[in-house]
N, C-alpha and C. Protein backbone atom coordinates (compact mmCIF):
# COMPACT_ATOMS: atom_id res chain seq x y z
N MET A 1 7.02 9.19 -33.15
CA MET A 1 8.50 8.56 -32.89
C MET A 1 8.27 7.70 -33.92
N PRO A 2 9.12 7.75 -34.61
CA PRO A 2 9.86 6.27 -35.59
C PRO A 2 9.62 5.21 -34.86
N ILE A 3 8.96 3.97 -35.72
CA ILE A 3 8.82 3.03 -35.32
C ILE A 3 10.04 2.33 -34.13
N GLN A 4 11.10 2.45 -34.80
CA GLN A 4 12.43 1.67 -33.91
C GLN A 4 13.15 2.40 -33.17
N ASP A 5 12.45 4.06 -33.10
CA ASP A 5 12.55 4.83 -31.79
C ASP A 5 11.86 4.10 -30.38
N THR A 6 10.59 3.57 -31.18
CA THR A 6 9.66 3.53 -30.13
C THR A 6 10.16 1.62 -29.50
N ALA A 7 10.43 1.35 -30.69
CA ALA A 7 10.74 -0.16 -30.12
C ALA A 7 12.26 0.13 -28.96
N SER A 8 13.18 0.41 -29.46
CA SER A 8 14.09 0.54 -28.51
C SER A 8 13.23 1.80 -26.87
N PHE A 9 12.73 2.52 -27.05
CA PHE A 9 12.68 3.14 -25.86
C PHE A 9 11.72 1.99 -25.33
N ARG A 10 10.70 1.17 -25.71
CA ARG A 10 10.11 0.15 -24.84
C ARG A 10 10.89 -0.85 -24.34
N ARG A 11 11.95 -1.04 -24.92
CA ARG A 11 13.51 -2.15 -24.90
C ARG A 11 13.79 -1.64 -23.31
N LEU A 12 14.10 -0.21 -23.79
CA LEU A 12 14.86 0.33 -22.46
C LEU A 12 13.72 0.94 -21.25
N LEU A 13 12.43 0.55 -21.10
CA LEU A 13 11.68 1.04 -20.48
C LEU A 13 11.68 -0.52 -19.86
N LEU A 14 11.52 -1.75 -20.41
CA LEU A 14 12.05 -3.07 -19.98
C LEU A 14 12.95 -3.43 -19.07
N ILE A 15 13.69 -2.80 -19.54
CA ILE A 15 14.84 -3.04 -18.19
C ILE A 15 15.05 -2.61 -17.20
N HIS A 16 14.21 -1.18 -17.03
CA HIS A 16 13.52 -0.86 -15.65
C HIS A 16 13.06 -1.43 -14.94
N LEU A 17 11.82 -2.57 -15.76
CA LEU A 17 11.17 -3.22 -14.92
C LEU A 17 11.60 -4.37 -14.71
N ILE A 18 13.00 -5.17 -14.95
CA ILE A 18 13.49 -6.30 -14.51
C ILE A 18 13.95 -6.03 -12.97
N PRO A 19 13.06 -7.13 -12.18
CA PRO A 19 13.09 -7.35 -11.17
C PRO A 19 14.23 -7.38 -10.71
N ILE A 20 14.80 -6.80 -8.98
CA ILE A 20 16.14 -6.67 -8.60
C ILE A 20 17.12 -5.92 -9.48
N ILE A 21 17.68 -6.03 -10.71
CA ILE A 21 18.30 -5.45 -11.51
C ILE A 21 18.26 -4.51 -12.74
N GLY A 22 16.19 -4.24 -12.38
CA GLY A 22 15.89 -2.33 -13.13
C GLY A 22 15.97 -1.27 -12.11
N PHE A 23 16.27 -1.87 -10.67
CA PHE A 23 16.27 -0.69 -9.74
C PHE A 23 17.64 -0.17 -9.81
N PHE A 24 18.96 -0.34 -10.25
CA PHE A 24 20.06 0.72 -10.86
C PHE A 24 19.80 1.51 -11.62
N PRO A 25 18.93 0.99 -13.10
CA PRO A 25 18.68 1.74 -14.13
C PRO A 25 17.99 2.74 -13.74
N SER A 26 16.59 2.55 -12.95
CA SER A 26 15.83 2.96 -12.72
C SER A 26 16.43 4.70 -11.42
N LEU A 27 17.16 4.31 -10.86
CA LEU A 27 17.56 4.69 -10.04
C LEU A 27 18.69 5.93 -10.15
N TRP A 28 19.45 5.62 -11.53
CA TRP A 28 19.79 6.57 -12.53
C TRP A 28 19.16 7.46 -13.28
N THR A 29 18.53 6.67 -13.89
CA THR A 29 17.62 7.69 -14.41
C THR A 29 16.79 8.70 -13.27
N LEU A 30 16.37 8.78 -12.47
CA LEU A 30 15.91 9.43 -11.22
C LEU A 30 16.73 10.55 -10.58
N TYR A 31 18.21 9.67 -10.63
CA TYR A 31 19.03 10.89 -9.92
C TYR A 31 19.55 12.41 -10.78
N HIS A 32 19.81 11.70 -12.32
CA HIS A 32 19.78 12.10 -13.10
C HIS A 32 18.90 13.25 -13.98
N ARG A 33 18.08 12.70 -13.28
CA ARG A 33 16.64 13.49 -13.76
C ARG A 33 16.34 13.70 -15.34
N GLN A 34 16.87 12.29 -15.83
CA GLN A 34 17.16 12.35 -17.48
C GLN A 34 15.70 11.36 -17.98
N GLY A 35 15.91 11.20 -19.20
CA GLY A 35 14.28 10.84 -19.67
C GLY A 35 12.91 11.35 -20.08
N SER A 36 12.05 10.86 -20.41
CA SER A 36 10.78 11.61 -20.48
C SER A 36 10.05 11.26 -19.81
N ARG A 37 8.77 11.65 -19.07
CA ARG A 37 7.55 11.50 -18.33
C ARG A 37 7.34 10.11 -18.13
N GLU A 38 7.35 9.35 -19.36
CA GLU A 38 6.70 8.09 -19.13
C GLU A 38 8.13 7.03 -18.69
N GLN A 39 9.44 7.44 -18.80
CA GLN A 39 10.42 6.77 -18.34
C GLN A 39 10.81 7.08 -16.71
N LEU A 40 10.28 8.12 -16.31
CA LEU A 40 10.24 8.72 -14.87
C LEU A 40 9.38 7.78 -13.88
N VAL A 41 8.30 7.94 -14.69
CA VAL A 41 6.92 7.09 -13.94
C VAL A 41 7.25 5.63 -14.03
N VAL A 42 8.15 5.41 -15.05
CA VAL A 42 8.43 3.60 -14.62
C VAL A 42 9.56 3.41 -13.50
N SER A 43 10.39 4.23 -13.72
CA SER A 43 11.43 4.25 -12.59
C SER A 43 10.94 4.74 -11.70
N ARG A 44 10.30 5.47 -11.33
CA ARG A 44 9.55 5.35 -9.95
C ARG A 44 8.64 4.41 -9.36
N LEU A 45 7.91 3.75 -10.14
CA LEU A 45 7.29 2.52 -9.63
C LEU A 45 8.51 1.18 -9.74
N SER A 46 9.39 1.01 -10.39
CA SER A 46 9.91 0.45 -10.44
C SER A 46 11.02 0.43 -9.45
N ILE A 47 11.96 1.26 -8.31
CA ILE A 47 12.47 1.56 -7.37
C ILE A 47 11.54 1.46 -6.23
N THR A 48 10.21 1.97 -6.14
CA THR A 48 9.06 1.54 -5.16
C THR A 48 9.23 0.16 -5.16
N LEU A 49 8.88 -0.82 -6.12
CA LEU A 49 8.67 -2.40 -5.72
C LEU A 49 9.95 -2.70 -5.22
N ALA A 50 11.04 -2.44 -5.58
CA ALA A 50 11.88 -2.92 -5.28
C ALA A 50 12.31 -2.78 -4.06
N LEU A 51 12.08 -1.43 -3.39
CA LEU A 51 12.04 -1.17 -2.26
C LEU A 51 11.02 -1.78 -1.11
N THR A 52 10.03 -2.04 -1.55
CA THR A 52 9.11 -2.73 -0.81
C THR A 52 9.18 -3.99 -0.33
N TRP A 53 9.69 -4.65 -1.95
CA TRP A 53 10.08 -5.99 -1.76
C TRP A 53 11.44 -6.47 -0.66
N LEU A 54 12.45 -5.49 -1.12
CA LEU A 54 13.58 -5.94 0.18
C LEU A 54 12.82 -5.49 1.50
N LEU A 55 12.08 -4.32 1.57
CA LEU A 55 11.65 -4.26 3.05
C LEU A 55 11.02 -5.29 3.96
N GLY A 56 10.28 -6.11 3.00
CA GLY A 56 9.15 -7.28 3.57
C GLY A 56 10.04 -8.15 3.87
N TYR A 57 11.03 -8.71 2.54
CA TYR A 57 12.05 -9.29 2.72
C TYR A 57 13.07 -9.48 3.83
N LEU A 58 13.63 -8.26 4.22
CA LEU A 58 14.26 -8.59 5.60
C LEU A 58 13.30 -8.60 6.90
N LEU A 59 12.04 -7.56 6.90
CA LEU A 59 11.40 -8.29 8.05
C LEU A 59 10.81 -9.36 8.01
N LEU A 60 10.75 -9.83 7.18
CA LEU A 60 9.88 -11.29 7.38
C LEU A 60 10.75 -12.51 7.57
N ALA A 61 12.26 -12.47 6.82
CA ALA A 61 13.82 -12.74 7.46
C ALA A 61 14.12 -12.94 8.84
N ALA A 62 13.99 -12.04 8.85
CA ALA A 62 14.28 -11.42 10.59
C ALA A 62 12.96 -12.00 11.54
N GLY A 63 11.49 -12.02 10.92
CA GLY A 63 10.70 -12.32 11.64
C GLY A 63 11.06 -13.78 11.54
N ALA A 64 11.16 -14.82 10.87
CA ALA A 64 11.49 -16.40 10.70
C ALA A 64 12.89 -16.82 11.63
N GLU A 65 13.99 -16.01 11.63
CA GLU A 65 15.11 -16.11 12.48
C GLU A 65 14.92 -16.02 14.29
N THR A 66 14.34 -15.19 14.34
CA THR A 66 13.80 -14.95 16.29
C THR A 66 12.58 -15.86 16.82
N SER A 67 11.84 -16.05 15.72
CA SER A 67 10.32 -17.16 15.89
C SER A 67 11.12 -18.63 16.21
N ASN A 68 10.70 -19.03 17.18
CA ASN A 68 10.06 -20.29 17.53
C ASN A 68 9.32 -20.96 16.49
N PHE A 69 8.26 -20.80 16.77
CA PHE A 69 6.61 -21.26 16.20
C PHE A 69 6.56 -20.75 14.92
N PHE A 70 6.80 -19.38 14.63
CA PHE A 70 6.26 -19.41 13.28
C PHE A 70 7.66 -19.71 11.92
N THR A 71 8.33 -19.79 12.53
CA THR A 71 9.56 -19.85 11.55
C THR A 71 9.20 -20.40 10.20
N LEU A 72 8.57 -21.82 9.92
CA LEU A 72 8.30 -22.15 8.64
C LEU A 72 6.94 -20.97 7.93
N ARG A 73 6.36 -20.96 8.90
CA ARG A 73 4.97 -19.95 8.41
C ARG A 73 5.62 -18.77 7.74
N LEU A 74 6.36 -18.19 8.05
CA LEU A 74 7.24 -17.02 8.08
C LEU A 74 8.05 -17.12 6.89
N LEU A 75 8.82 -17.79 6.40
CA LEU A 75 9.76 -18.25 5.67
C LEU A 75 9.10 -18.65 4.09
N ILE A 76 7.93 -19.20 4.59
CA ILE A 76 6.62 -20.06 3.06
C ILE A 76 5.97 -18.54 2.47
N LEU A 77 5.35 -17.12 3.90
CA LEU A 77 4.89 -16.10 3.39
C LEU A 77 6.27 -15.20 2.69
N ASN A 78 7.30 -15.65 3.39
CA ASN A 78 8.72 -14.98 2.06
C ASN A 78 8.77 -15.09 1.24
N SER A 79 8.81 -16.49 0.91
CA SER A 79 8.60 -16.70 -0.52
C SER A 79 7.30 -16.48 -1.41
N PHE A 80 6.50 -16.37 -1.05
CA PHE A 80 5.15 -16.04 -1.92
C PHE A 80 5.23 -14.58 -1.99
N PHE A 81 6.11 -13.79 -1.12
CA PHE A 81 6.11 -12.22 -1.55
C PHE A 81 7.24 -12.19 -2.50
N THR A 82 8.12 -12.80 -2.45
CA THR A 82 9.43 -12.84 -3.08
C THR A 82 8.48 -12.86 -5.03
N SER A 83 8.05 -13.84 -5.10
CA SER A 83 7.30 -14.74 -5.88
C SER A 83 6.56 -13.08 -6.57
N SER A 84 5.43 -13.05 -5.45
CA SER A 84 4.40 -11.97 -6.45
C SER A 84 5.15 -10.89 -6.97
N TYR A 85 6.10 -10.51 -5.84
CA TYR A 85 7.37 -9.59 -6.56
C TYR A 85 7.63 -9.69 -8.08
N PHE A 86 8.57 -10.70 -7.99
CA PHE A 86 8.56 -11.54 -9.64
C PHE A 86 7.42 -11.18 -10.59
N LEU A 87 6.28 -11.81 -10.23
CA LEU A 87 5.73 -11.61 -10.85
C LEU A 87 5.02 -11.02 -11.09
N VAL A 88 4.71 -9.68 -10.40
CA VAL A 88 4.27 -8.37 -10.84
C VAL A 88 4.81 -7.51 -11.68
N SER A 89 6.12 -7.92 -11.35
CA SER A 89 7.40 -6.96 -12.48
C SER A 89 7.15 -7.46 -13.80
N ILE A 90 6.89 -8.76 -13.86
CA ILE A 90 7.43 -9.69 -15.26
C ILE A 90 5.47 -9.20 -16.25
N TRP A 91 4.63 -9.35 -15.42
CA TRP A 91 3.76 -8.54 -15.53
C TRP A 91 3.26 -7.47 -16.16
N LEU A 92 4.06 -6.40 -15.14
CA LEU A 92 4.36 -4.95 -16.01
C LEU A 92 5.24 -4.74 -17.37
N MET A 93 5.58 -5.95 -17.22
CA MET A 93 6.55 -6.33 -18.46
C MET A 93 6.06 -6.51 -19.63
N PHE A 94 5.14 -7.53 -19.21
CA PHE A 94 3.80 -8.01 -20.86
C PHE A 94 3.22 -6.81 -21.40
N ARG A 95 2.37 -6.07 -20.04
CA ARG A 95 1.93 -4.85 -20.66
C ARG A 95 3.10 -4.00 -20.87
N LEU A 96 3.64 -3.10 -21.06
CA LEU A 96 4.31 -2.70 -21.93
C LEU A 96 5.03 -3.08 -23.09
N ILE A 97 4.92 -4.55 -23.32
CA ILE A 97 5.56 -4.30 -24.44
C ILE A 97 3.89 -4.58 -25.13
N LYS A 98 2.76 -5.31 -25.08
CA LYS A 98 1.51 -4.52 -25.47
C LYS A 98 0.94 -3.57 -25.61
N GLY A 99 1.63 -2.61 -25.30
CA GLY A 99 1.41 -1.05 -25.14
C GLY A 99 0.24 -0.47 -24.08
N LYS A 100 0.02 -1.37 -23.04
CA LYS A 100 -0.86 -0.98 -22.23
C LYS A 100 -0.22 -0.17 -21.10
N SER A 101 -1.16 0.20 -20.20
CA SER A 101 -1.13 1.26 -19.01
C SER A 101 -0.04 0.31 -18.32
N ASN A 102 1.02 1.37 -17.72
CA ASN A 102 2.40 0.69 -16.98
C ASN A 102 1.47 1.14 -15.16
N ARG A 103 0.44 1.27 -15.12
CA ARG A 103 0.37 1.61 -13.60
C ARG A 103 -0.17 0.43 -12.71
N LEU A 104 0.20 0.75 -11.75
CA LEU A 104 -0.49 -0.09 -10.56
C LEU A 104 -1.29 0.69 -9.70
N ALA A 105 -2.83 0.13 -9.56
CA ALA A 105 -3.80 0.74 -8.85
C ALA A 105 -3.44 1.00 -7.38
N GLY A 106 -3.25 2.12 -6.73
CA GLY A 106 -2.69 2.41 -5.37
C GLY A 106 -1.16 2.69 -5.50
N PHE A 107 -0.79 1.71 -6.02
CA PHE A 107 0.39 1.56 -5.88
C PHE A 107 1.47 2.61 -6.09
N SER A 108 0.86 3.14 -7.72
CA SER A 108 1.61 4.07 -8.82
C SER A 108 1.15 5.51 -8.03
N ASN A 109 0.39 5.28 -7.15
CA ASN A 109 0.20 6.96 -6.74
C ASN A 109 1.27 6.96 -5.31
N PHE A 110 1.26 6.13 -4.85
CA PHE A 110 2.13 6.12 -3.27
C PHE A 110 3.88 6.30 -4.19
N ALA A 111 3.79 5.78 -5.40
CA ALA A 111 5.50 6.05 -5.92
C ALA A 111 5.70 7.70 -6.51
N GLU A 112 4.15 7.93 -6.82
CA GLU A 112 4.63 9.33 -6.70
C GLU A 112 4.35 10.27 -6.42
N ARG A 113 4.13 9.76 -5.01
CA ARG A 113 4.00 10.92 -3.63
C ARG A 113 5.08 10.51 -2.94
N VAL A 114 5.92 9.76 -2.81
CA VAL A 114 7.40 9.03 -2.44
C VAL A 114 8.33 9.53 -3.00
N LEU A 115 8.39 9.24 -4.33
CA LEU A 115 9.40 9.87 -5.34
C LEU A 115 9.02 10.95 -5.84
N GLY A 116 8.17 11.54 -6.13
CA GLY A 116 7.38 12.52 -7.05
C GLY A 116 8.72 13.36 -6.79
N LYS A 117 9.19 13.70 -6.34
CA LYS A 117 9.71 14.74 -5.68
C LYS A 117 11.32 14.48 -6.65
N TYR A 118 11.90 13.65 -7.55
CA TYR A 118 12.67 12.95 -8.03
C TYR A 118 12.24 12.92 -9.40
């Protein structure tokens, strides 16, 4: 692959890893089954990360809303959970820029099992 194609391909993969926003191009890629193998792997990982964050966010927010005693603790845990989602996404983006593997131990395997058919 020429250098310019590699740079544009990495930029495209970086778009998929942007927290929250990257969910939509990743979903589009998987829905239309377009792209290289690496692009499909990054799309599955991005979707799995976003849906895991959304589920955790909603559950912690619902728990904070219904609890009288643990409200503050659940809200703080929710902020840590959201921050960790953003940090993991940014960390994956830096790994992609450096040319390293864009897999997460355990989580990438889970994404392949859940979204592997797409």
